[in-house]
C-alpha atoms as a PDB file:
ATOM      1  CA  UNK A   1      74.191  27.310-128.458  1.00  0.00           C
ATOM      2  CA  UNK A   2      74.167  25.174-125.297  1.00  0.00           C
ATOM      3  CA  UNK A   3      73.239  28.432-123.544  1.00  0.00           C
ATOM      4  CA  UNK A   4      70.225  27.346-121.474  1.00  0.00           C
ATOM      5  CA  UNK A   5      70.559  27.893-117.748  1.00  0.00           C
ATOM      6  CA  UNK A   6      70.482  24.841-115.508  1.00  0.00           C
ATOM      7  CA  UNK A   7      66.874  25.622-114.550  1.00  0.00           C
ATOM      8  CA  UNK A   8      65.831  26.093-118.189  1.00  0.00           C
ATOM      9  CA  UNK A   9      67.545  22.880-119.229  1.00  0.00           C
ATOM     10  CA  UNK A  10      65.887  20.983-116.365  1.00  0.00           C
ATOM     11  CA  UNK A  11      62.428  22.161-117.393  1.00  0.00           C
ATOM     12  CA  UNK A  12      63.047  21.285-121.036  1.00  0.00           C
ATOM     13  CA  UNK A  13      64.494  17.894-120.154  1.00  0.00           C
ATOM     14  CA  UNK A  14      62.029  16.693-117.519  1.00  0.00           C
ATOM     15  CA  UNK A  15      58.890  18.769-118.049  1.00  0.00           C
ATOM     16  CA  UNK A  16      58.860  20.102-114.474  1.00  0.00           C
ATOM     17  CA  UNK A  17      60.330  23.154-112.724  1.00  0.00           C
ATOM     18  CA  UNK A  18      63.837  22.689-111.389  1.00  0.00           C
ATOM     19  CA  UNK A  19      64.048  21.587-107.738  1.00  0.00           C
ATOM     20  CA  UNK A  20      64.453  24.402-105.265  1.00  0.00           C
ATOM     21  CA  UNK A  21      68.105  24.926-104.454  1.00  0.00           C
ATOM     22  CA  UNK A  22      69.362  23.143-107.586  1.00  0.00           C
ATOM     23  CA  UNK A  23      73.010  24.211-108.063  1.00  0.00           C
ATOM     24  CA  UNK A  24      74.381  25.511-111.336  1.00  0.00           C
ATOM     25  CA  UNK A  25      75.464  22.382-113.228  1.00  0.00           C
ATOM     26  CA  UNK A  26      77.052  24.236-116.112  1.00  0.00           C
ATOM     27  CA  UNK A  27      76.256  22.507-119.385  1.00  0.00           C
ATOM     28  CA  UNK A  28      75.706  19.042-117.946  1.00  0.00           C
ATOM     29  CA  UNK A  29      71.935  19.181-118.553  1.00  0.00           C
ATOM     30  CA  UNK A  30      72.285  20.816-121.984  1.00  0.00           C
ATOM     31  CA  UNK A  31      73.438  17.787-123.975  1.00  0.00           C
ATOM     32  CA  UNK A  32      71.927  17.027-127.352  1.00  0.00           C
ATOM     33  CA  UNK A  33      73.089  14.875-130.257  1.00  0.00           C
ATOM     34  CA  UNK A  34      74.487  17.143-132.973  1.00  0.00           C
ATOM     35  CA  UNK A  35      74.232  15.830-136.525  1.00  0.00           C
ATOM     36  CA  UNK A  36      75.029  18.987-138.494  1.00  0.00           C
ATOM     37  CA  UNK A  37      78.520  20.430-138.228  1.00  0.00           C
ATOM     38  CA  UNK A  38      80.270  23.432-139.737  1.00  0.00           C
ATOM     39  CA  UNK A  39      83.354  22.959-141.900  1.00  0.00           C
ATOM     40  CA  UNK A  40      85.502  24.764-139.328  1.00  0.00           C
ATOM     41  CA  UNK A  41      88.333  22.460-138.266  1.00  0.00           C
ATOM     42  CA  UNK A  42      88.803  21.436-134.658  1.00  0.00           C
ATOM     43  CA  UNK A  43      92.464  21.971-133.704  1.00  0.00           C
ATOM     44  CA  UNK A  44      94.495  18.877-132.965  1.00  0.00           C
ATOM     45  CA  UNK A  45      95.561  20.381-129.633  1.00  0.00           C
ATOM     46  CA  UNK A  46      91.903  20.590-128.626  1.00  0.00           C
ATOM     47  CA  UNK A  47      91.344  16.947-129.575  1.00  0.00           C
ATOM     48  CA  UNK A  48      94.448  15.994-127.606  1.00  0.00           C
ATOM     49  CA  UNK A  49      92.846  17.680-124.614  1.00  0.00           C
ATOM     50  CA  UNK A  50      89.635  15.702-125.130  1.00  0.00           C
ATOM     51  CA  UNK A  51      91.592  12.456-125.308  1.00  0.00           C
ATOM     52  CA  UNK A  52      93.310  13.459-122.082  1.00  0.00           C
ATOM     53  CA  UNK A  53      89.878  13.949-120.536  1.00  0.00           C
ATOM     54  CA  UNK A  54      88.828  10.491-121.761  1.00  0.00           C
ATOM     55  CA  UNK A  55      91.923   8.953-120.225  1.00  0.00           C
ATOM     56  CA  UNK A  56      91.094  10.665-116.932  1.00  0.00           C
ATOM     57  CA  UNK A  57      87.798   8.785-116.598  1.00  0.00           C
ATOM     58  CA  UNK A  58      87.450   5.972-114.101  1.00  0.00           C
ATOM     59  CA  UNK A  59      88.805   2.642-115.342  1.00  0.00           C
ATOM     60  CA  UNK A  60      88.111  -0.696-113.666  1.00  0.00           C
ATOM     61  CA  UNK A  61      91.167  -1.972-111.752  1.00  0.00           C
ATOM     62  CA  UNK A  62      93.295   0.508-113.749  1.00  0.00           C
ATOM     63  CA  UNK A  63      93.021  -1.834-116.751  1.00  0.00           C
ATOM     64  CA  UNK A  64      92.522   0.849-119.447  1.00  0.00           C
ATOM     65  CA  UNK A  65      90.444  -1.748-121.307  1.00  0.00           C
ATOM     66  CA  UNK A  66      89.563   0.479-124.255  1.00  0.00           C
ATOM     67  CA  UNK A  67      91.096   2.232-127.249  1.00  0.00           C
ATOM     68  CA  UNK A  68      90.109   5.194-129.426  1.00  0.00           C
ATOM     69  CA  UNK A  69      90.712   4.979-133.183  1.00  0.00           C
ATOM     70  CA  UNK A  70      90.343   8.287-135.026  1.00  0.00           C
ATOM     71  CA  UNK A  71      89.364   8.031-138.694  1.00  0.00           C
ATOM     72  CA  UNK A  72      90.406  11.151-140.617  1.00  0.00           C
ATOM     73  CA  UNK A  73      91.517   9.761-143.976  1.00  0.00           C
ATOM     74  CA  UNK A  74      88.670  10.695-146.380  1.00  0.00           C
ATOM     75  CA  UNK A  75      88.645   7.346-148.177  1.00  0.00           C
ATOM     76  CA  UNK A  76      88.652   5.358-144.946  1.00  0.00           C
ATOM     77  CA  UNK A  77      85.948   7.619-143.494  1.00  0.00           C
ATOM     78  CA  UNK A  78      83.760   7.016-146.545  1.00  0.00           C
ATOM     79  CA  UNK A  79      84.311   3.286-146.313  1.00  0.00           C
ATOM     80  CA  UNK A  80      83.492   3.019-142.642  1.00  0.00           C
ATOM     81  CA  UNK A  81      80.430   5.220-143.142  1.00  0.00           C
ATOM     82  CA  UNK A  82      79.150   2.713-145.702  1.00  0.00           C
ATOM     83  CA  UNK A  83      78.906   0.244-142.828  1.00  0.00           C
ATOM     84  CA  UNK A  84      77.429   2.800-140.404  1.00  0.00           C
ATOM     85  CA  UNK A  85      74.297   3.488-142.420  1.00  0.00           C
ATOM     86  CA  UNK A  86      75.746   6.337-144.547  1.00  0.00           C
ATOM     87  CA  UNK A  87      74.988   8.950-141.895  1.00  0.00           C
ATOM     88  CA  UNK A  88      75.636  12.602-142.662  1.00  0.00           C
ATOM     89  CA  UNK A  89      77.272  13.286-139.311  1.00  0.00           C
ATOM     90  CA  UNK A  90      79.825  10.524-139.894  1.00  0.00           C
ATOM     91  CA  UNK A  91      80.537  11.914-143.353  1.00  0.00           C
ATOM     92  CA  UNK A  92      80.934  15.554-142.319  1.00  0.00           C
ATOM     93  CA  UNK A  93      82.135  15.656-138.703  1.00  0.00           C
ATOM     94  CA  UNK A  94      85.634  17.135-138.453  1.00  0.00           C
ATOM     95  CA  UNK A  95      86.582  14.222-136.177  1.00  0.00           C
ATOM     96  CA  UNK A  96      85.280  10.669-135.995  1.00  0.00           C
ATOM     97  CA  UNK A  97      86.384   8.100-133.434  1.00  0.00           C
ATOM     98  CA  UNK A  98      85.700   4.395-133.158  1.00  0.00           C
ATOM     99  CA  UNK A  99      85.477   3.702-129.430  1.00  0.00           C
ATOM    100  CA  UNK A 100      86.649   0.151-128.793  1.00  0.00           C
ATOM    101  CA  UNK A 101      86.490  -2.325-125.953  1.00  0.00           C
ATOM    102  CA  UNK A 102      90.092  -3.522-125.889  1.00  0.00           C
ATOM    103  CA  UNK A 103      91.476  -6.531-124.029  1.00  0.00           C
ATOM    104  CA  UNK A 104      94.285  -7.043-126.545  1.00  0.00           C
ATOM    105  CA  UNK A 105      96.560  -4.801-124.503  1.00  0.00           C
ATOM    106  CA  UNK A 106      96.271  -7.160-121.530  1.00  0.00           C
ATOM    107  CA  UNK A 107      97.035 -10.199-123.662  1.00  0.00           C
ATOM    108  CA  UNK A 108      99.899  -8.566-125.557  1.00  0.00           C
ATOM    109  CA  UNK A 109     101.751  -7.291-122.504  1.00  0.00           C
ATOM    110  CA  UNK A 110     101.193 -10.079-119.999  1.00  0.00           C
ATOM    111  CA  UNK A 111     104.443 -11.291-118.449  1.00  0.00           C
ATOM    112  CA  UNK A 112     103.111 -14.833-118.750  1.00  0.00           C
ATOM    113  CA  UNK A 113     101.121 -15.361-121.988  1.00  0.00           C
ATOM    114  CA  UNK A 114      99.001 -17.967-120.214  1.00  0.00           C
ATOM    115  CA  UNK A 115      98.124 -15.695-117.305  1.00  0.00           C
ATOM    116  CA  UNK A 116      95.222 -13.568-118.695  1.00  0.00           C
ATOM    117  CA  UNK A 117      93.063 -16.656-119.187  1.00  0.00           C
ATOM    118  CA  UNK A 118      89.795 -14.866-118.382  1.00  0.00           C
ATOM    119  CA  UNK A 119      89.709 -12.332-121.230  1.00  0.00           C
ATOM    120  CA  UNK A 120      87.045 -14.402-122.984  1.00  0.00           C
ATOM    121  CA  UNK A 121      84.585 -14.149-120.076  1.00  0.00           C
ATOM    122  CA  UNK A 122      81.397 -12.094-119.947  1.00  0.00           C
ATOM    123  CA  UNK A 123      82.844 -10.239-116.950  1.00  0.00           C
ATOM    124  CA  UNK A 124      85.942  -9.015-118.790  1.00  0.00           C
ATOM    125  CA  UNK A 125      83.898  -8.069-121.857  1.00  0.00           C
ATOM    126  CA  UNK A 126      81.564  -6.082-119.597  1.00  0.00           C
ATOM    127  CA  UNK A 127      84.528  -4.365-117.941  1.00  0.00           C
ATOM    128  CA  UNK A 128      85.915  -3.346-121.333  1.00  0.00           C
ATOM    129  CA  UNK A 129      82.573  -1.989-122.570  1.00  0.00           C
ATOM    130  CA  UNK A 130      82.046  -0.017-119.354  1.00  0.00           C
ATOM    131  CA  UNK A 131      85.578   1.395-119.545  1.00  0.00           C
ATOM    132  CA  UNK A 132      84.984   2.456-123.153  1.00  0.00           C
ATOM    133  CA  UNK A 133      81.664   4.117-122.331  1.00  0.00           C
ATOM    134  CA  UNK A 134      83.053   5.987-119.327  1.00  0.00           C
ATOM    135  CA  UNK A 135      85.993   7.311-121.342  1.00  0.00           C
ATOM    136  CA  UNK A 136      83.804   8.403-124.246  1.00  0.00           C
ATOM    137  CA  UNK A 137      81.273  10.180-122.038  1.00  0.00           C
ATOM    138  CA  UNK A 138      84.075  12.060-120.264  1.00  0.00           C
ATOM    139  CA  UNK A 139      85.299  13.063-123.724  1.00  0.00           C
ATOM    140  CA  UNK A 140      81.805  14.256-124.677  1.00  0.00           C
ATOM    141  CA  UNK A 141      81.374  16.296-121.493  1.00  0.00           C
ATOM    142  CA  UNK A 142      84.744  17.959-122.094  1.00  0.00           C
ATOM    143  CA  UNK A 143      83.862  18.660-125.731  1.00  0.00           C
ATOM    144  CA  UNK A 144      80.538  20.254-124.827  1.00  0.00           C
ATOM    145  CA  UNK A 145      82.235  22.432-122.214  1.00  0.00           C
ATOM    146  CA  UNK A 146      84.225  23.928-125.121  1.00  0.00           C
ATOM    147  CA  UNK A 147      81.131  24.497-127.258  1.00  0.00           C
ATOM    148  CA  UNK A 148      81.704  21.470-129.478  1.00  0.00           C
ATOM    149  CA  UNK A 149      78.892  19.164-130.554  1.00  0.00           C
ATOM    150  CA  UNK A 150      78.975  15.377-130.452  1.00  0.00           C
ATOM    151  CA  UNK A 151      76.987  12.404-131.667  1.00  0.00           C
ATOM    152  CA  UNK A 152      77.356   8.756-130.709  1.00  0.00           C
ATOM    153  CA  UNK A 153      77.077   6.224-133.555  1.00  0.00           C
ATOM    154  CA  UNK A 154      75.697   2.858-132.461  1.00  0.00           C
ATOM    155  CA  UNK A 155      75.632   1.739-136.097  1.00  0.00           C
ATOM    156  CA  UNK A 156      79.350   0.976-135.778  1.00  0.00           C
ATOM    157  CA  UNK A 157      78.104  -2.383-134.461  1.00  0.00           C
ATOM    158  CA  UNK A 158      76.040  -3.163-137.564  1.00  0.00           C
ATOM    159  CA  UNK A 159      78.916  -4.735-139.511  1.00  0.00           C
ATOM    160  CA  UNK A 160      81.653  -5.683-137.017  1.00  0.00           C
ATOM    161  CA  UNK A 161      83.653  -7.800-139.471  1.00  0.00           C
ATOM    162  CA  UNK A 162      83.977  -4.887-141.899  1.00  0.00           C
ATOM    163  CA  UNK A 163      84.835  -2.440-139.114  1.00  0.00           C
ATOM    164  CA  UNK A 164      87.506  -4.832-137.905  1.00  0.00           C
ATOM    165  CA  UNK A 165      88.995  -5.019-141.400  1.00  0.00           C
ATOM    166  CA  UNK A 166      88.903  -1.273-142.061  1.00  0.00           C
ATOM    167  CA  UNK A 167      90.477  -0.364-138.711  1.00  0.00           C
ATOM    168  CA  UNK A 168      92.846  -3.351-138.520  1.00  0.00           C
ATOM    169  CA  UNK A 169      91.454  -4.382-135.134  1.00  0.00           C
ATOM    170  CA  UNK A 170      93.170  -7.447-133.619  1.00  0.00           C
ATOM    171  CA  UNK A 171      91.549 -10.232-131.622  1.00  0.00           C
ATOM    172  CA  UNK A 172      90.069  -9.206-128.263  1.00  0.00           C
ATOM    173  CA  UNK A 173      89.053  -5.771-129.630  1.00  0.00           C
ATOM    174  CA  UNK A 174      85.512  -4.707-130.533  1.00  0.00           C
ATOM    175  CA  UNK A 175      84.193  -1.406-131.890  1.00  0.00           C
ATOM    176  CA  UNK A 176      81.450  -0.560-129.379  1.00  0.00           C
ATOM    177  CA  UNK A 177      80.282   2.702-130.972  1.00  0.00           C
ATOM    178  CA  UNK A 178      81.449   5.662-132.988  1.00  0.00           C
ATOM    179  CA  UNK A 179      81.742   9.275-131.851  1.00  0.00           C
ATOM    180  CA  UNK A 180      81.461  12.377-134.040  1.00  0.00           C
ATOM    181  CA  UNK A 181      82.952  15.665-132.807  1.00  0.00           C
ATOM    182  CA  UNK A 182      82.812  19.120-134.388  1.00  0.00           C
ATOM    183  CA  UNK A 183      81.478  22.657-134.225  1.00  0.00           C
ATOM    184  CA  UNK A 184      77.656  22.627-134.319  1.00  0.00           C
ATOM    185  CA  UNK A 185      75.916  24.293-137.221  1.00  0.00           C
ATOM    186  CA  UNK A 186      73.433  26.968-136.189  1.00  0.00           C
ATOM    187  CA  UNK A 187      71.040  25.571-138.770  1.00  0.00           C
ATOM    188  CA  UNK A 188      68.984  22.657-137.468  1.00  0.00           C
ATOM    189  CA  UNK A 189      70.544  22.944-134.018  1.00  0.00           C
ATOM    190  CA  UNK A 190      68.485  20.462-131.978  1.00  0.00           C
ATOM    191  CA  UNK A 191      66.346  21.211-128.962  1.00  0.00           C
ATOM    192  CA  UNK A 192      66.995  19.588-125.625  1.00  0.00           C
ATOM    193  CA  UNK A 193      65.306  16.203-125.903  1.00  0.00           C
ATOM    194  CA  UNK A 194      62.936  15.067-123.136  1.00  0.00           C
ATOM    195  CA  UNK A 195      64.036  12.319-120.784  1.00  0.00           C
ATOM    196  CA  UNK A 196      62.298  10.191-118.201  1.00  0.00           C
ATOM    197  CA  UNK A 197      62.077  12.317-115.083  1.00  0.00           C
ATOM    198  CA  UNK A 198      64.249  11.433-112.078  1.00  0.00           C
ATOM    199  CA  UNK A 199      61.391   9.761-110.188  1.00  0.00           C
ATOM    200  CA  UNK A 200      61.125   7.227-113.025  1.00  0.00           C
ATOM    201  CA  UNK A 201      64.821   6.358-112.822  1.00  0.00           C
ATOM    202  CA  UNK A 202      65.959   7.013-109.244  1.00  0.00           C
ATOM    203  CA  UNK A 203      64.474   4.415-106.887  1.00  0.00           C
ATOM    204  CA  UNK A 204      64.990   4.689-103.139  1.00  0.00           C
ATOM    205  CA  UNK A 205      66.240   1.499-101.502  1.00  0.00           C
ATOM    206  CA  UNK A 206      64.470  -1.045-103.751  1.00  0.00           C
ATOM    207  CA  UNK A 207      63.241  -1.455-107.301  1.00  0.00           C
ATOM    208  CA  UNK A 208      59.485  -0.744-107.537  1.00  0.00           C
ATOM    209  CA  UNK A 209      56.894  -3.423-108.204  1.00  0.00           C
ATOM    210  CA  UNK A 210      55.560  -1.462-111.178  1.00  0.00           C
ATOM    211  CA  UNK A 211      56.910   1.099-113.622  1.00  0.00           C
ATOM    212  CA  UNK A 212      54.784   3.939-114.963  1.00  0.00           C
ATOM    213  CA  UNK A 213      55.827   5.727-118.151  1.00  0.00           C
ATOM    214  CA  UNK A 214      52.464   7.255-119.052  1.00  0.00           C
ATOM    215  CA  UNK A 215      53.644  10.760-118.205  1.00  0.00           C
ATOM    216  CA  UNK A 216      56.699  10.348-120.403  1.00  0.00           C
ATOM    217  CA  UNK A 217      54.636   8.841-123.217  1.00  0.00           C
ATOM    218  CA  UNK A 218      52.519  12.001-123.150  1.00  0.00           C
ATOM    219  CA  UNK A 219      55.541  14.317-123.246  1.00  0.00           C
ATOM    220  CA  UNK A 220      57.141  12.362-126.065  1.00  0.00           C
ATOM    221  CA  UNK A 221      53.921  12.415-128.091  1.00  0.00           C
ATOM    222  CA  UNK A 222      54.137  16.217-127.971  1.00  0.00           C
ATOM    223  CA  UNK A 223      57.802  16.021-128.989  1.00  0.00           C
ATOM    224  CA  UNK A 224      57.028  13.751-131.948  1.00  0.00           C
ATOM    225  CA  UNK A 225      54.292  16.172-133.057  1.00  0.00           C
ATOM    226  CA  UNK A 226      56.715  19.126-132.936  1.00  0.00           C
ATOM    227  CA  UNK A 227      59.118  17.168-135.146  1.00  0.00           C
ATOM    228  CA  UNK A 228      56.389  16.026-137.540  1.00  0.00           C
ATOM    229  CA  UNK A 229      56.915  12.389-136.518  1.00  0.00           C
ATOM    230  CA  UNK A 230      53.617  11.707-134.772  1.00  0.00           C
ATOM    231  CA  UNK A 231      52.592   8.253-135.992  1.00  0.00           C
ATOM    232  CA  UNK A 232      50.072   7.678-133.223  1.00  0.00           C
ATOM    233  CA  UNK A 233      52.560   5.307-131.571  1.00  0.00           C
ATOM    234  CA  UNK A 234      53.702   6.189-128.028  1.00  0.00           C
ATOM    235  CA  UNK A 235      57.336   6.207-126.939  1.00  0.00           C
ATOM    236  CA  UNK A 236      56.955   2.967-124.949  1.00  0.00           C
ATOM    237  CA  UNK A 237      55.669   1.071-127.987  1.00  0.00           C
ATOM    238  CA  UNK A 238      58.398   2.533-130.201  1.00  0.00           C
ATOM    239  CA  UNK A 239      61.064   1.367-127.767  1.00  0.00           C
ATOM    240  CA  UNK A 240      59.555  -2.117-127.635  1.00  0.00           C
ATOM    241  CA  UNK A 241      59.742  -2.189-131.418  1.00  0.00           C
ATOM    242  CA  UNK A 242      63.355  -1.002-131.253  1.00  0.00           C
ATOM    243  CA  UNK A 243      64.159  -3.971-128.987  1.00  0.00           C
ATOM    244  CA  UNK A 244      62.692  -6.491-131.431  1.00  0.00           C
ATOM    245  CA  UNK A 245      64.912  -8.729-133.546  1.00  0.00           C
ATOM    246  CA  UNK A 246      63.926  -6.773-136.644  1.00  0.00           C
ATOM    247  CA  UNK A 247      64.857  -3.552-134.891  1.00  0.00           C
ATOM    248  CA  UNK A 248      68.398  -4.759-134.170  1.00  0.00           C
ATOM    249  CA  UNK A 249      69.440  -4.582-137.840  1.00  0.00           C
ATOM    250  CA  UNK A 250      71.618  -7.682-137.632  1.00  0.00           C
ATOM    251  CA  UNK A 251      73.180  -6.856-134.272  1.00  0.00           C
ATOM    252  CA  UNK A 252      71.438  -9.878-132.747  1.00  0.00           C
ATOM    253  CA  UNK A 253      74.299 -11.863-134.310  1.00  0.00           C
ATOM    254  CA  UNK A 254      77.038  -9.970-132.470  1.00  0.00           C
ATOM    255  CA  UNK A 255      77.679 -12.930-130.181  1.00  0.00           C
ATOM    256  CA  UNK A 256      79.077 -14.908-133.099  1.00  0.00           C
ATOM    257  CA  UNK A 257      81.532 -12.125-133.933  1.00  0.00           C
ATOM    258  CA  UNK A 258      82.564 -11.568-130.323  1.00  0.00           C
ATOM    259  CA  UNK A 259      83.319 -15.234-129.784  1.00  0.00           C
ATOM    260  CA  UNK A 260      85.277 -15.369-133.039  1.00  0.00           C
ATOM    261  CA  UNK A 261      87.615 -12.623-131.790  1.00  0.00           C
ATOM    262  CA  UNK A 262      88.044 -14.194-128.338  1.00  0.00           C
ATOM    263  CA  UNK A 263      85.438 -12.240-126.355  1.00  0.00           C
ATOM    264  CA  UNK A 264      82.301 -13.105-124.367  1.00  0.00           C
ATOM    265  CA  UNK A 265      82.691 -16.890-124.710  1.00  0.00           C
ATOM    266  CA  UNK A 266      81.774 -17.912-121.153  1.00  0.00           C
END
């Protein structure tokens, strides 16, 4: 598993041959979301190493504006999964983390309690979310280098009040997403999923006047057909539907929660 060469992974990911002279990127192009795990435990020492990798990610102004909450107690895992859409990977992954944007640490340890008076701004909320994402992705890259599988869980944002209660999160802390980690099952091991090719993402000097995703729509239509999910709806239309209010599954109300816990007010 995760054994494709860099050139093979490039072709599977972008639908074109790898560029001439492309260096060996290890497993960095081989990522896929793993939703089926074996029952083999992941040693605590290995997880400690992954947390160390997360903590080694870049952090804005050295703020460390994030926290990782592991949920291993079976009853608590079941409860939090109820509010994450009852997903099998959350239920069965050997390790599950709630990755949190965390400005509570700044407030709690300020020498002058009145000094961190900007923690409720959009800027500080953005900093905390970026810090959390950078740390988690470093954790994922480290996990995959060891042969572990991972899956991000955006549904952690579906019911923020319940997540806050279950994890005892204080004000100025928000569960941005979950992260499952474990040994991938050989059954149903996913293929490398297509992505927009670099020319559709990497713009030289200025943003283009028009975007063209027709090529990617065509590749994704083939992918949907392979998975038996061809509804006659192209990727671009599916993503527009995903960005509709109905597609947000209640997350359009997150602003109310964030402001209630002292975040993103101005």
